[in-house]
Protein backbone atom coordinates (compact mmCIF):
# COMPACT_ATOMS: atom_id res chain seq x y z
CA UNK A 1 4.00 12.60 6.59
CA UNK A 2 2.17 12.69 10.00
CA UNK A 3 3.19 10.96 12.85
CA UNK A 4 4.48 7.18 12.30
CA UNK A 5 3.05 4.88 15.10
CA UNK A 6 5.23 1.64 16.33
CA UNK A 7 3.37 -1.61 15.85
CA UNK A 8 6.24 -3.91 15.80
CA UNK A 9 9.89 -4.16 16.23
CA UNK A 10 11.58 -7.14 14.38
CA UNK A 11 14.86 -9.32 15.24
CA UNK A 12 16.95 -7.62 13.27
CA UNK A 13 16.33 -4.00 13.92
CA UNK A 14 13.32 -3.26 11.20
CA UNK A 15 10.34 -1.68 12.67
CA UNK A 16 6.67 -1.42 11.49
CA UNK A 17 5.09 1.47 11.75
CA UNK A 18 1.62 2.70 11.12
CA UNK A 19 1.14 5.96 9.57
CA UNK A 20 -1.34 8.12 7.58
CA UNK A 21 -0.09 10.21 4.17
CA UNK A 22 -1.68 12.22 1.61
CA UNK A 23 -0.92 11.70 -2.25
CA UNK A 24 -2.70 13.93 -5.10
CA UNK A 25 -5.25 14.67 -2.59
CA UNK A 26 -6.06 11.30 -1.26
CA UNK A 27 -5.10 10.21 2.13
CA UNK A 28 -3.89 6.73 2.70
CA UNK A 29 -3.08 4.41 5.53
CA UNK A 30 0.45 2.83 5.47
CA UNK A 31 1.30 -0.16 7.59
CA UNK A 32 5.01 -0.43 6.57
CA UNK A 33 8.28 -1.97 7.40
CA UNK A 34 11.20 0.50 7.88
CA UNK A 35 14.79 0.10 8.36
CA UNK A 36 17.96 2.09 9.48
CA UNK A 37 20.57 3.22 6.68
CA UNK A 38 23.24 5.38 8.23
CA UNK A 39 20.93 6.35 11.45
CA UNK A 40 18.35 7.53 9.19
CA UNK A 41 15.12 5.48 8.95
CA UNK A 42 14.00 4.56 5.11
CA UNK A 43 10.66 2.88 4.48
CA UNK A 44 10.80 -0.36 2.60
CA UNK A 45 8.41 -1.66 0.07
CA UNK A 46 7.28 -4.53 2.57
CA UNK A 47 3.74 -3.14 3.68
CA UNK A 48 0.11 -2.35 2.88
CA UNK A 49 -1.37 1.13 1.86
CA UNK A 50 -5.05 1.95 1.71
CA UNK A 51 -6.89 4.68 0.78
CA UNK A 52 -8.55 6.08 4.25
CA UNK A 53 -11.98 5.33 3.25
CA UNK A 54 -11.46 1.75 3.15
CA UNK A 55 -10.13 1.44 6.65
CA UNK A 56 -13.57 0.84 8.19
CA UNK A 57 -13.48 -2.57 6.11
CA UNK A 58 -10.26 -3.37 7.31
CA UNK A 59 -10.92 -2.67 10.62
CA UNK A 60 -14.10 -4.90 10.73
CA UNK A 61 -12.03 -7.82 8.55
CA UNK A 62 -9.51 -7.76 11.95
CA UNK A 63 -12.43 -7.67 14.27
CA UNK A 64 -13.90 -10.80 12.42
CA UNK A 65 -10.60 -12.40 12.62
CA UNK A 66 -9.93 -11.68 16.24
CA UNK A 67 -13.42 -13.02 17.18
CA UNK A 68 -12.56 -16.08 15.52
CA UNK A 69 -9.35 -16.60 17.06
CA UNK A 70 -11.06 -16.12 20.54
CA UNK A 71 -13.76 -18.46 19.48
CA UNK A 72 -11.12 -21.01 18.31
CA UNK A 73 -9.11 -20.85 21.53
CA UNK A 74 -12.05 -21.65 23.61
């Protein structure tokens, strides 16, 4: 697994990380919640995994949502 980037610290100590991994020759982007178990970080089932070729569509969707949010605030 490559480097995990912290996205969000949750109140009960869990953390949300973004990271990239490879499985059977395909690279995936993960956004997943992790928890501590005996001082060892472990992933939960709470999260999403996308093949890297789908990331541009996710990025576009996020940009559209953020633009709508900014418009709604005005």
